[in-house]
């Protein structure tokens, strides 16, 4: 199993505190409140979606609009109750993603190109290790909430074919019927699940659908938030990354591994190559003047860019960054 680590430079603090993130948070929280007030929506109680440990044995993580638990067994963070998947899909379809407020089209395009190059490099690391070339990629839903994503892929994908399966609230259904059909029809080498495991009501069903319909040996690349990250450990539900409707489940490494292996997958790679943890925490502790957390308050009060860079590298190497990446094989 490989655990690649990389960090070119620390992002600017504006990438954390920009207007887009604040406005997006308000939009998603408003949508959640409307969902909670809808008497026609049925909610399903659930245990830990990762390892299956009973919710009664978990710790309370937060009460942000609705109860969230932190699993005592695997450390995964999850909403105690969720609506059916079609309800979530219709809600997302009604609030399409938008470009960054104030950003030009070129700036958004450059941001997507950087993101795509990172993903392309990630796939390239796995290419050639197995007995099949990774030429056909099925991109599940990411283009639905990442403007300019398809344009960036078109410019940079080179020899790989890239099929998009955008969000279709009418076709997906509770059992991911559109995904099952696409897998049977196209037999991809790679299924990319970028920022989607956090948002679905029953993530185990998503992975089970891929396992049941993809060719044997297909690689599934999963990028998600990481419950083991230092940001969640220190800030809890107060983390700026915690938007409840987008974080119905925040998997720990052991939790996602447990789910994948229970479904019959082989785990090929685990990494946490996040770039923003140190900047987010630095900003928090500098603004929270009255906060006194042993060690960390003093660390960030005296930290310069070099120290933050070293911290981010340490978090990547120790699998404690806020971004989780898994490569699993059917």
C-alpha atoms as a PDB file:
ATOM      1  CA  UNK A   1       0.000   0.000   0.000  1.00  0.00           C
ATOM      2  CA  UNK A   2       1.359   3.407  -1.021  1.00  0.00           C
ATOM      3  CA  UNK A   3       0.856   6.663   0.894  1.00  0.00           C
ATOM      4  CA  UNK A   4       2.075   9.492  -1.368  1.00  0.00           C
ATOM      5  CA  UNK A   5       2.768  12.883   0.203  1.00  0.00           C
ATOM      6  CA  UNK A   6       3.211  16.185  -1.587  1.00  0.00           C
ATOM      7  CA  UNK A   7       2.960  19.896  -0.848  1.00  0.00           C
ATOM      8  CA  UNK A   8       4.080  22.562  -3.283  1.00  0.00           C
ATOM      9  CA  UNK A   9       3.090  25.621  -1.269  1.00  0.00           C
ATOM     10  CA  UNK A  10       0.641  26.725   1.399  1.00  0.00           C
ATOM     11  CA  UNK A  11      -2.561  28.314   0.082  1.00  0.00           C
ATOM     12  CA  UNK A  12      -3.393  31.894   0.924  1.00  0.00           C
ATOM     13  CA  UNK A  13      -5.701  32.537   3.888  1.00  0.00           C
ATOM     14  CA  UNK A  14      -8.250  34.087   1.516  1.00  0.00           C
ATOM     15  CA  UNK A  15      -8.980  30.601   0.156  1.00  0.00           C
ATOM     16  CA  UNK A  16     -10.389  29.787   3.594  1.00  0.00           C
ATOM     17  CA  UNK A  17     -12.185  32.985   4.545  1.00  0.00           C
ATOM     18  CA  UNK A  18     -13.352  34.205   1.132  1.00  0.00           C
ATOM     19  CA  UNK A  19     -16.862  35.399   0.468  1.00  0.00           C
ATOM     20  CA  UNK A  20     -17.704  32.279  -1.519  1.00  0.00           C
ATOM     21  CA  UNK A  21     -17.282  29.943   1.454  1.00  0.00           C
ATOM     22  CA  UNK A  22     -19.339  32.195   3.727  1.00  0.00           C
ATOM     23  CA  UNK A  23     -22.155  32.613   1.198  1.00  0.00           C
ATOM     24  CA  UNK A  24     -22.120  28.927   0.297  1.00  0.00           C
ATOM     25  CA  UNK A  25     -22.405  27.991   3.977  1.00  0.00           C
ATOM     26  CA  UNK A  26     -25.489  30.217   4.348  1.00  0.00           C
ATOM     27  CA  UNK A  27     -27.131  28.732   1.247  1.00  0.00           C
ATOM     28  CA  UNK A  28     -26.603  25.134   2.381  1.00  0.00           C
ATOM     29  CA  UNK A  29     -27.711  25.845   5.956  1.00  0.00           C
ATOM     30  CA  UNK A  30     -30.858  27.567   4.685  1.00  0.00           C
ATOM     31  CA  UNK A  31     -31.609  24.537   2.525  1.00  0.00           C
ATOM     32  CA  UNK A  32     -31.133  22.257   5.521  1.00  0.00           C
ATOM     33  CA  UNK A  33     -33.509  24.297   7.685  1.00  0.00           C
ATOM     34  CA  UNK A  34     -36.156  24.130   4.970  1.00  0.00           C
ATOM     35  CA  UNK A  35     -35.629  20.383   4.761  1.00  0.00           C
ATOM     36  CA  UNK A  36     -36.029  19.977   8.520  1.00  0.00           C
ATOM     37  CA  UNK A  37     -39.276  21.972   8.446  1.00  0.00           C
ATOM     38  CA  UNK A  38     -40.785  19.929   5.611  1.00  0.00           C
ATOM     39  CA  UNK A  39     -43.299  17.621   7.273  1.00  0.00           C
ATOM     40  CA  UNK A  40     -43.472  15.386   4.202  1.00  0.00           C
ATOM     41  CA  UNK A  41     -39.819  14.332   4.457  1.00  0.00           C
ATOM     42  CA  UNK A  42     -39.191  10.982   6.138  1.00  0.00           C
ATOM     43  CA  UNK A  43     -35.995  10.700   8.157  1.00  0.00           C
ATOM     44  CA  UNK A  44     -34.114   7.443   8.751  1.00  0.00           C
ATOM     45  CA  UNK A  45     -32.233   6.760  11.980  1.00  0.00           C
ATOM     46  CA  UNK A  46     -28.839   5.133  11.426  1.00  0.00           C
ATOM     47  CA  UNK A  47     -25.837   3.767  13.263  1.00  0.00           C
ATOM     48  CA  UNK A  48     -22.270   4.462  12.187  1.00  0.00           C
ATOM     49  CA  UNK A  49     -22.303   4.254   8.364  1.00  0.00           C
ATOM     50  CA  UNK A  50     -18.652   3.165   8.365  1.00  0.00           C
ATOM     51  CA  UNK A  51     -18.188   0.360  10.903  1.00  0.00           C
ATOM     52  CA  UNK A  52     -21.806  -0.165  11.968  1.00  0.00           C
ATOM     53  CA  UNK A  53     -21.250   0.537  15.668  1.00  0.00           C
ATOM     54  CA  UNK A  54     -24.496   1.484  17.477  1.00  0.00           C
ATOM     55  CA  UNK A  55     -25.172   5.202  17.726  1.00  0.00           C
ATOM     56  CA  UNK A  56     -25.987   4.700  21.414  1.00  0.00           C
ATOM     57  CA  UNK A  57     -22.318   3.873  21.990  1.00  0.00           C
ATOM     58  CA  UNK A  58     -21.033   6.953  20.132  1.00  0.00           C
ATOM     59  CA  UNK A  59     -20.112  10.370  21.458  1.00  0.00           C
ATOM     60  CA  UNK A  60     -21.989  13.557  20.621  1.00  0.00           C
ATOM     61  CA  UNK A  61     -20.027  15.556  18.056  1.00  0.00           C
ATOM     62  CA  UNK A  62     -22.350  18.520  17.678  1.00  0.00           C
ATOM     63  CA  UNK A  63     -25.932  19.749  17.510  1.00  0.00           C
ATOM     64  CA  UNK A  64     -25.638  21.927  14.403  1.00  0.00           C
ATOM     65  CA  UNK A  65     -29.298  21.972  13.282  1.00  0.00           C
ATOM     66  CA  UNK A  66     -29.436  18.201  13.836  1.00  0.00           C
ATOM     67  CA  UNK A  67     -27.527  15.702  15.985  1.00  0.00           C
ATOM     68  CA  UNK A  68     -24.134  14.437  14.846  1.00  0.00           C
ATOM     69  CA  UNK A  69     -22.182  11.611  16.456  1.00  0.00           C
ATOM     70  CA  UNK A  70     -18.511  10.698  16.574  1.00  0.00           C
ATOM     71  CA  UNK A  71     -18.231   6.919  16.487  1.00  0.00           C
ATOM     72  CA  UNK A  72     -16.430   5.520  19.521  1.00  0.00           C
ATOM     73  CA  UNK A  73     -15.425   2.505  17.459  1.00  0.00           C
ATOM     74  CA  UNK A  74     -13.808   4.050  14.355  1.00  0.00           C
ATOM     75  CA  UNK A  75     -13.879   7.853  14.935  1.00  0.00           C
ATOM     76  CA  UNK A  76     -16.153   8.551  11.944  1.00  0.00           C
ATOM     77  CA  UNK A  77     -18.409  11.609  12.291  1.00  0.00           C
ATOM     78  CA  UNK A  78     -21.968  11.191  11.040  1.00  0.00           C
ATOM     79  CA  UNK A  79     -25.495  12.598  11.137  1.00  0.00           C
ATOM     80  CA  UNK A  80     -27.679  10.470  13.382  1.00  0.00           C
ATOM     81  CA  UNK A  81     -30.618  10.647  10.969  1.00  0.00           C
ATOM     82  CA  UNK A  82     -30.825  11.344   7.250  1.00  0.00           C
ATOM     83  CA  UNK A  83     -33.541  11.672   4.592  1.00  0.00           C
ATOM     84  CA  UNK A  84     -33.761   9.323   1.622  1.00  0.00           C
ATOM     85  CA  UNK A  85     -31.276   9.833  -1.209  1.00  0.00           C
ATOM     86  CA  UNK A  86     -33.852  11.142  -3.742  1.00  0.00           C
ATOM     87  CA  UNK A  87     -34.719  13.949  -1.322  1.00  0.00           C
ATOM     88  CA  UNK A  88     -31.065  14.981  -1.053  1.00  0.00           C
ATOM     89  CA  UNK A  89     -30.621  14.755  -4.831  1.00  0.00           C
ATOM     90  CA  UNK A  90     -33.621  16.969  -5.531  1.00  0.00           C
ATOM     91  CA  UNK A  91     -32.385  19.506  -2.996  1.00  0.00           C
ATOM     92  CA  UNK A  92     -28.935  19.667  -4.611  1.00  0.00           C
ATOM     93  CA  UNK A  93     -30.416  19.916  -8.089  1.00  0.00           C
ATOM     94  CA  UNK A  94     -32.456  22.909  -6.935  1.00  0.00           C
ATOM     95  CA  UNK A  95     -29.310  24.730  -5.749  1.00  0.00           C
ATOM     96  CA  UNK A  96     -26.716  24.401  -8.533  1.00  0.00           C
ATOM     97  CA  UNK A  97     -23.143  25.383  -7.782  1.00  0.00           C
ATOM     98  CA  UNK A  98     -21.899  28.833  -8.733  1.00  0.00           C
ATOM     99  CA  UNK A  99     -18.548  30.384  -9.467  1.00  0.00           C
ATOM    100  CA  UNK A 100     -16.584  32.161  -6.759  1.00  0.00           C
ATOM    101  CA  UNK A 101     -18.044  35.552  -5.984  1.00  0.00           C
ATOM    102  CA  UNK A 102     -15.949  38.283  -7.575  1.00  0.00           C
ATOM    103  CA  UNK A 103     -13.701  35.837  -9.410  1.00  0.00           C
ATOM    104  CA  UNK A 104     -13.164  36.098 -13.144  1.00  0.00           C
ATOM    105  CA  UNK A 105     -13.792  33.199 -15.481  1.00  0.00           C
ATOM    106  CA  UNK A 106     -10.022  32.853 -15.962  1.00  0.00           C
ATOM    107  CA  UNK A 107      -9.419  32.644 -12.199  1.00  0.00           C
ATOM    108  CA  UNK A 108     -12.024  29.902 -11.792  1.00  0.00           C
ATOM    109  CA  UNK A 109     -10.588  28.083 -14.784  1.00  0.00           C
ATOM    110  CA  UNK A 110      -7.077  28.192 -13.303  1.00  0.00           C
ATOM    111  CA  UNK A 111      -8.360  26.860  -9.972  1.00  0.00           C
ATOM    112  CA  UNK A 112     -10.027  23.917 -11.710  1.00  0.00           C
ATOM    113  CA  UNK A 113      -6.895  23.216 -13.753  1.00  0.00           C
ATOM    114  CA  UNK A 114      -4.803  23.013 -10.575  1.00  0.00           C
ATOM    115  CA  UNK A 115      -7.371  20.685  -9.023  1.00  0.00           C
ATOM    116  CA  UNK A 116      -7.533  18.459 -12.094  1.00  0.00           C
ATOM    117  CA  UNK A 117      -3.755  18.197 -12.413  1.00  0.00           C
ATOM    118  CA  UNK A 118      -3.655  17.022  -8.797  1.00  0.00           C
ATOM    119  CA  UNK A 119      -6.243  14.312  -9.512  1.00  0.00           C
ATOM    120  CA  UNK A 120      -4.566  13.338 -12.787  1.00  0.00           C
ATOM    121  CA  UNK A 121      -1.228  12.941 -10.979  1.00  0.00           C
ATOM    122  CA  UNK A 122      -2.973  10.835  -8.356  1.00  0.00           C
ATOM    123  CA  UNK A 123      -4.390   8.482 -10.983  1.00  0.00           C
ATOM    124  CA  UNK A 124      -1.044   8.383 -12.796  1.00  0.00           C
ATOM    125  CA  UNK A 125       0.660   7.101  -9.634  1.00  0.00           C
ATOM    126  CA  UNK A 126      -1.559   4.019  -9.750  1.00  0.00           C
ATOM    127  CA  UNK A 127      -1.323   3.588 -13.518  1.00  0.00           C
ATOM    128  CA  UNK A 128       1.030   0.764 -14.413  1.00  0.00           C
ATOM    129  CA  UNK A 129       1.054  -0.886 -10.989  1.00  0.00           C
ATOM    130  CA  UNK A 130      -1.602  -3.369 -12.030  1.00  0.00           C
ATOM    131  CA  UNK A 131      -2.246  -5.474 -15.101  1.00  0.00           C
ATOM    132  CA  UNK A 132      -4.659  -3.022 -16.769  1.00  0.00           C
ATOM    133  CA  UNK A 133      -4.052   0.467 -18.074  1.00  0.00           C
ATOM    134  CA  UNK A 134      -6.214   3.202 -16.576  1.00  0.00           C
ATOM    135  CA  UNK A 135      -7.612   4.777 -19.746  1.00  0.00           C
ATOM    136  CA  UNK A 136     -11.346   5.091 -19.081  1.00  0.00           C
ATOM    137  CA  UNK A 137     -12.514   7.239 -16.152  1.00  0.00           C
ATOM    138  CA  UNK A 138     -16.101   7.503 -14.937  1.00  0.00           C
ATOM    139  CA  UNK A 139     -16.401  10.789 -13.044  1.00  0.00           C
ATOM    140  CA  UNK A 140     -19.334  10.403 -10.662  1.00  0.00           C
ATOM    141  CA  UNK A 141     -21.236  13.640 -10.037  1.00  0.00           C
ATOM    142  CA  UNK A 142     -18.302  15.969  -9.395  1.00  0.00           C
ATOM    143  CA  UNK A 143     -19.065  18.140 -12.430  1.00  0.00           C
ATOM    144  CA  UNK A 144     -22.480  18.867 -10.861  1.00  0.00           C
ATOM    145  CA  UNK A 145     -21.012  20.981  -8.063  1.00  0.00           C
ATOM    146  CA  UNK A 146     -17.698  22.096  -9.586  1.00  0.00           C
ATOM    147  CA  UNK A 147     -18.194  24.769 -12.262  1.00  0.00           C
ATOM    148  CA  UNK A 148     -15.588  24.733 -15.067  1.00  0.00           C
ATOM    149  CA  UNK A 149     -14.632  21.154 -14.163  1.00  0.00           C
ATOM    150  CA  UNK A 150     -15.573  19.689 -17.539  1.00  0.00           C
ATOM    151  CA  UNK A 151     -13.663  22.441 -19.359  1.00  0.00           C
ATOM    152  CA  UNK A 152     -10.502  21.748 -17.336  1.00  0.00           C
ATOM    153  CA  UNK A 153     -10.788  18.021 -18.004  1.00  0.00           C
ATOM    154  CA  UNK A 154     -11.235  18.642 -21.717  1.00  0.00           C
ATOM    155  CA  UNK A 155      -8.025  20.670 -21.895  1.00  0.00           C
ATOM    156  CA  UNK A 156      -5.849  18.400 -19.797  1.00  0.00           C
ATOM    157  CA  UNK A 157      -7.076  14.797 -19.856  1.00  0.00           C
ATOM    158  CA  UNK A 158      -4.748  13.875 -22.753  1.00  0.00           C
ATOM    159  CA  UNK A 159      -4.938  10.152 -23.529  1.00  0.00           C
ATOM    160  CA  UNK A 160      -7.562   9.256 -20.927  1.00  0.00           C
ATOM    161  CA  UNK A 161     -11.242   9.226 -21.817  1.00  0.00           C
ATOM    162  CA  UNK A 162     -13.330  10.998 -19.189  1.00  0.00           C
ATOM    163  CA  UNK A 163     -17.019  10.229 -18.927  1.00  0.00           C
ATOM    164  CA  UNK A 164     -19.158  12.447 -16.718  1.00  0.00           C
ATOM    165  CA  UNK A 165     -22.146  11.172 -14.791  1.00  0.00           C
ATOM    166  CA  UNK A 166     -23.686  14.376 -13.426  1.00  0.00           C
ATOM    167  CA  UNK A 167     -26.354  14.532 -10.771  1.00  0.00           C
ATOM    168  CA  UNK A 168     -29.734  13.537 -12.197  1.00  0.00           C
ATOM    169  CA  UNK A 169     -32.320  13.668  -9.451  1.00  0.00           C
ATOM    170  CA  UNK A 170     -34.857  11.794 -11.591  1.00  0.00           C
ATOM    171  CA  UNK A 171     -32.571   8.977 -12.799  1.00  0.00           C
ATOM    172  CA  UNK A 172     -30.463   8.159  -9.738  1.00  0.00           C
ATOM    173  CA  UNK A 173     -33.009   6.941  -7.207  1.00  0.00           C
ATOM    174  CA  UNK A 174     -32.284   5.470  -3.803  1.00  0.00           C
ATOM    175  CA  UNK A 175     -30.241   2.633  -5.314  1.00  0.00           C
ATOM    176  CA  UNK A 176     -28.023   4.716  -7.668  1.00  0.00           C
ATOM    177  CA  UNK A 177     -29.660   3.239 -10.771  1.00  0.00           C
ATOM    178  CA  UNK A 178     -27.957   5.692 -13.139  1.00  0.00           C
ATOM    179  CA  UNK A 179     -24.531   4.705 -11.794  1.00  0.00           C
ATOM    180  CA  UNK A 180     -25.273   0.984 -12.139  1.00  0.00           C
ATOM    181  CA  UNK A 181     -26.363   1.472 -15.757  1.00  0.00           C
ATOM    182  CA  UNK A 182     -23.265   3.531 -16.636  1.00  0.00           C
ATOM    183  CA  UNK A 183     -20.933   0.957 -15.113  1.00  0.00           C
ATOM    184  CA  UNK A 184     -22.534  -1.887 -17.074  1.00  0.00           C
ATOM    185  CA  UNK A 185     -22.556   0.061 -20.331  1.00  0.00           C
ATOM    186  CA  UNK A 186     -19.035   1.526 -20.263  1.00  0.00           C
ATOM    187  CA  UNK A 187     -16.923  -0.789 -18.054  1.00  0.00           C
ATOM    188  CA  UNK A 188     -14.520   1.952 -16.861  1.00  0.00           C
ATOM    189  CA  UNK A 189     -11.022   1.308 -15.544  1.00  0.00           C
ATOM    190  CA  UNK A 190     -11.439   4.015 -12.897  1.00  0.00           C
ATOM    191  CA  UNK A 191     -14.427   5.351 -10.971  1.00  0.00           C
ATOM    192  CA  UNK A 192     -13.713   8.771  -9.448  1.00  0.00           C
ATOM    193  CA  UNK A 193     -15.784   9.715  -6.394  1.00  0.00           C
ATOM    194  CA  UNK A 194     -14.679  13.234  -5.560  1.00  0.00           C
ATOM    195  CA  UNK A 195     -16.426  14.931  -2.580  1.00  0.00           C
ATOM    196  CA  UNK A 196     -19.461  12.651  -2.810  1.00  0.00           C
ATOM    197  CA  UNK A 197     -19.163  10.125   0.026  1.00  0.00           C
ATOM    198  CA  UNK A 198     -19.787  12.931   2.526  1.00  0.00           C
ATOM    199  CA  UNK A 199     -23.051  13.966   0.888  1.00  0.00           C
ATOM    200  CA  UNK A 200     -24.986  10.749   0.311  1.00  0.00           C
ATOM    201  CA  UNK A 201     -27.464   9.310   2.787  1.00  0.00           C
ATOM    202  CA  UNK A 202     -26.148   5.750   2.599  1.00  0.00           C
ATOM    203  CA  UNK A 203     -22.533   5.692   1.370  1.00  0.00           C
ATOM    204  CA  UNK A 204     -22.338   1.917   1.755  1.00  0.00           C
ATOM    205  CA  UNK A 205     -24.996   1.586  -0.974  1.00  0.00           C
ATOM    206  CA  UNK A 206     -22.891   3.751  -3.269  1.00  0.00           C
ATOM    207  CA  UNK A 207     -19.808   1.551  -2.918  1.00  0.00           C
ATOM    208  CA  UNK A 208     -21.903  -1.627  -3.073  1.00  0.00           C
ATOM    209  CA  UNK A 209     -23.405  -0.464  -6.371  1.00  0.00           C
ATOM    210  CA  UNK A 210     -19.947  -0.009  -7.858  1.00  0.00           C
ATOM    211  CA  UNK A 211     -18.774  -3.386  -6.543  1.00  0.00           C
ATOM    212  CA  UNK A 212     -21.790  -5.158  -8.025  1.00  0.00           C
ATOM    213  CA  UNK A 213     -21.648  -3.535 -11.480  1.00  0.00           C
ATOM    214  CA  UNK A 214     -18.026  -2.614 -12.273  1.00  0.00           C
ATOM    215  CA  UNK A 215     -15.599  -5.096 -13.887  1.00  0.00           C
ATOM    216  CA  UNK A 216     -13.368  -6.984 -11.486  1.00  0.00           C
ATOM    217  CA  UNK A 217     -10.139  -5.067 -10.975  1.00  0.00           C
ATOM    218  CA  UNK A 218     -11.713  -1.616 -11.395  1.00  0.00           C
ATOM    219  CA  UNK A 219     -10.027   1.024  -9.244  1.00  0.00           C
ATOM    220  CA  UNK A 220     -12.215   3.381  -7.245  1.00  0.00           C
ATOM    221  CA  UNK A 221     -10.591   6.698  -6.324  1.00  0.00           C
ATOM    222  CA  UNK A 222     -12.302   8.307  -3.322  1.00  0.00           C
ATOM    223  CA  UNK A 223     -11.582  11.831  -2.099  1.00  0.00           C
ATOM    224  CA  UNK A 224     -13.418  12.907   1.033  1.00  0.00           C
ATOM    225  CA  UNK A 225     -13.109  14.844   4.254  1.00  0.00           C
ATOM    226  CA  UNK A 226     -11.174  13.112   7.023  1.00  0.00           C
ATOM    227  CA  UNK A 227     -12.483  12.822  10.566  1.00  0.00           C
ATOM    228  CA  UNK A 228      -8.950  12.055  11.781  1.00  0.00           C
ATOM    229  CA  UNK A 229      -7.726  15.459  10.615  1.00  0.00           C
ATOM    230  CA  UNK A 230      -6.260  17.825  13.192  1.00  0.00           C
ATOM    231  CA  UNK A 231      -8.797  20.481  12.217  1.00  0.00           C
ATOM    232  CA  UNK A 232     -11.736  18.371  13.386  1.00  0.00           C
ATOM    233  CA  UNK A 233      -9.839  17.192  16.456  1.00  0.00           C
ATOM    234  CA  UNK A 234      -9.223  20.770  17.626  1.00  0.00           C
ATOM    235  CA  UNK A 235     -12.264  22.666  16.342  1.00  0.00           C
ATOM    236  CA  UNK A 236     -14.945  19.968  16.297  1.00  0.00           C
ATOM    237  CA  UNK A 237     -18.257  21.147  14.848  1.00  0.00           C
ATOM    238  CA  UNK A 238     -16.842  24.696  14.886  1.00  0.00           C
ATOM    239  CA  UNK A 239     -14.557  23.836  11.972  1.00  0.00           C
ATOM    240  CA  UNK A 240     -15.142  26.077   8.936  1.00  0.00           C
ATOM    241  CA  UNK A 241     -15.119  22.918   6.827  1.00  0.00           C
ATOM    242  CA  UNK A 242     -18.130  21.482   8.665  1.00  0.00           C
ATOM    243  CA  UNK A 243     -21.264  22.300   6.664  1.00  0.00           C
ATOM    244  CA  UNK A 244     -23.868  19.800   7.910  1.00  0.00           C
ATOM    245  CA  UNK A 245     -25.669  19.139   4.639  1.00  0.00           C
ATOM    246  CA  UNK A 246     -22.322  18.515   2.913  1.00  0.00           C
ATOM    247  CA  UNK A 247     -20.952  16.447   5.793  1.00  0.00           C
ATOM    248  CA  UNK A 248     -23.602  13.854   6.506  1.00  0.00           C
ATOM    249  CA  UNK A 249     -20.656  11.526   7.073  1.00  0.00           C
ATOM    250  CA  UNK A 250     -17.003  12.419   7.611  1.00  0.00           C
ATOM    251  CA  UNK A 251     -15.081   9.169   7.451  1.00  0.00           C
ATOM    252  CA  UNK A 252     -12.071   8.214   9.496  1.00  0.00           C
ATOM    253  CA  UNK A 253      -9.364   6.162   7.850  1.00  0.00           C
ATOM    254  CA  UNK A 254     -10.190   3.034   9.852  1.00  0.00           C
ATOM    255  CA  UNK A 255     -13.908   3.570   9.253  1.00  0.00           C
ATOM    256  CA  UNK A 256     -13.660   3.825   5.474  1.00  0.00           C
ATOM    257  CA  UNK A 257     -11.223   0.901   5.384  1.00  0.00           C
ATOM    258  CA  UNK A 258     -13.670  -1.173   7.438  1.00  0.00           C
ATOM    259  CA  UNK A 259     -16.533  -0.394   5.061  1.00  0.00           C
ATOM    260  CA  UNK A 260     -14.491  -1.103   1.922  1.00  0.00           C
ATOM    261  CA  UNK A 261     -13.179  -4.436   3.178  1.00  0.00           C
ATOM    262  CA  UNK A 262     -16.611  -5.483   4.440  1.00  0.00           C
ATOM    263  CA  UNK A 263     -17.941  -4.964   0.901  1.00  0.00           C
ATOM    264  CA  UNK A 264     -15.154  -7.078  -0.584  1.00  0.00           C
ATOM    265  CA  UNK A 265     -12.835  -4.344  -1.857  1.00  0.00           C
ATOM    266  CA  UNK A 266      -9.052  -4.447  -1.594  1.00  0.00           C
ATOM    267  CA  UNK A 267      -7.524  -1.233  -0.222  1.00  0.00           C
ATOM    268  CA  UNK A 268      -4.597  -0.180  -2.449  1.00  0.00           C
ATOM    269  CA  UNK A 269      -3.708   3.272  -1.196  1.00  0.00           C
ATOM    270  CA  UNK A 270      -4.451   5.635   1.690  1.00  0.00           C
ATOM    271  CA  UNK A 271      -3.264   9.219   1.981  1.00  0.00           C
ATOM    272  CA  UNK A 272      -4.307  12.559   3.450  1.00  0.00           C
ATOM    273  CA  UNK A 273      -2.695  15.080   1.075  1.00  0.00           C
ATOM    274  CA  UNK A 274      -4.546  18.146   2.350  1.00  0.00           C
ATOM    275  CA  UNK A 275      -3.009  21.596   1.938  1.00  0.00           C
ATOM    276  CA  UNK A 276      -5.196  23.898   4.047  1.00  0.00           C
ATOM    277  CA  UNK A 277      -5.191  22.500   7.606  1.00  0.00           C
ATOM    278  CA  UNK A 278      -2.330  24.618   8.936  1.00  0.00           C
ATOM    279  CA  UNK A 279      -3.722  27.800   7.355  1.00  0.00           C
ATOM    280  CA  UNK A 280      -7.234  27.156   8.704  1.00  0.00           C
ATOM    281  CA  UNK A 281      -5.973  26.492  12.231  1.00  0.00           C
ATOM    282  CA  UNK A 282      -3.564  29.417  12.150  1.00  0.00           C
ATOM    283  CA  UNK A 283      -6.370  31.759  11.172  1.00  0.00           C
ATOM    284  CA  UNK A 284      -8.660  30.373  13.886  1.00  0.00           C
ATOM    285  CA  UNK A 285      -6.175  30.734  16.750  1.00  0.00           C
ATOM    286  CA  UNK A 286      -5.104  34.235  15.680  1.00  0.00           C
ATOM    287  CA  UNK A 287      -8.734  35.406  15.601  1.00  0.00           C
ATOM    288  CA  UNK A 288      -9.755  33.633  18.818  1.00  0.00           C
ATOM    289  CA  UNK A 289      -7.638  35.743  21.131  1.00  0.00           C
ATOM    290  CA  UNK A 290      -9.322  34.411  24.282  1.00  0.00           C
ATOM    291  CA  UNK A 291      -8.888  30.758  23.316  1.00  0.00           C
ATOM    292  CA  UNK A 292      -6.255  28.880  25.283  1.00  0.00           C
ATOM    293  CA  UNK A 293      -5.630  25.354  24.038  1.00  0.00           C
ATOM    294  CA  UNK A 294      -2.514  23.784  25.581  1.00  0.00           C
ATOM    295  CA  UNK A 295       0.400  23.760  23.130  1.00  0.00           C
ATOM    296  CA  UNK A 296      -1.614  24.780  20.072  1.00  0.00           C
ATOM    297  CA  UNK A 297      -2.463  28.365  21.064  1.00  0.00           C
ATOM    298  CA  UNK A 298       1.201  29.139  21.599  1.00  0.00           C
ATOM    299  CA  UNK A 299       2.247  27.204  18.515  1.00  0.00           C
ATOM    300  CA  UNK A 300       0.076  29.216  16.156  1.00  0.00           C
ATOM    301  CA  UNK A 301       0.688  32.523  17.939  1.00  0.00           C
ATOM    302  CA  UNK A 302       4.408  32.223  17.153  1.00  0.00           C
ATOM    303  CA  UNK A 303       4.167  30.357  13.833  1.00  0.00           C
ATOM    304  CA  UNK A 304       5.602  31.770  10.617  1.00  0.00           C
ATOM    305  CA  UNK A 305       5.045  30.411   7.092  1.00  0.00           C
ATOM    306  CA  UNK A 306       7.927  27.956   7.404  1.00  0.00           C
ATOM    307  CA  UNK A 307       6.531  26.473  10.607  1.00  0.00           C
ATOM    308  CA  UNK A 308       3.062  26.150   9.068  1.00  0.00           C
ATOM    309  CA  UNK A 309       4.570  24.467   6.023  1.00  0.00           C
ATOM    310  CA  UNK A 310       6.388  21.965   8.233  1.00  0.00           C
ATOM    311  CA  UNK A 311       3.173  21.279  10.156  1.00  0.00           C
ATOM    312  CA  UNK A 312       1.266  20.589   6.948  1.00  0.00           C
ATOM    313  CA  UNK A 313       3.929  18.138   5.797  1.00  0.00           C
ATOM    314  CA  UNK A 314       3.766  16.412   9.206  1.00  0.00           C
ATOM    315  CA  UNK A 315      -0.029  16.100   8.940  1.00  0.00           C
ATOM    316  CA  UNK A 316       0.270  14.554   5.493  1.00  0.00           C
ATOM    317  CA  UNK A 317       2.941  12.086   6.563  1.00  0.00           C
ATOM    318  CA  UNK A 318       1.045  11.036   9.689  1.00  0.00           C
ATOM    319  CA  UNK A 319      -2.362  10.747   7.919  1.00  0.00           C
ATOM    320  CA  UNK A 320      -3.801  13.586   9.969  1.00  0.00           C
ATOM    321  CA  UNK A 321      -4.755  16.088   7.289  1.00  0.00           C
ATOM    322  CA  UNK A 322      -8.383  17.026   6.681  1.00  0.00           C
ATOM    323  CA  UNK A 323      -8.515  15.581   3.141  1.00  0.00           C
ATOM    324  CA  UNK A 324      -8.714  11.812   2.820  1.00  0.00           C
ATOM    325  CA  UNK A 325      -7.859   9.832  -0.318  1.00  0.00           C
ATOM    326  CA  UNK A 326      -8.474   6.119  -0.808  1.00  0.00           C
ATOM    327  CA  UNK A 327      -7.815   3.881  -3.792  1.00  0.00           C
ATOM    328  CA  UNK A 328      -9.770   0.644  -3.543  1.00  0.00           C
ATOM    329  CA  UNK A 329     -10.111  -2.190  -6.054  1.00  0.00           C
ATOM    330  CA  UNK A 330     -13.124  -4.311  -6.907  1.00  0.00           C
END
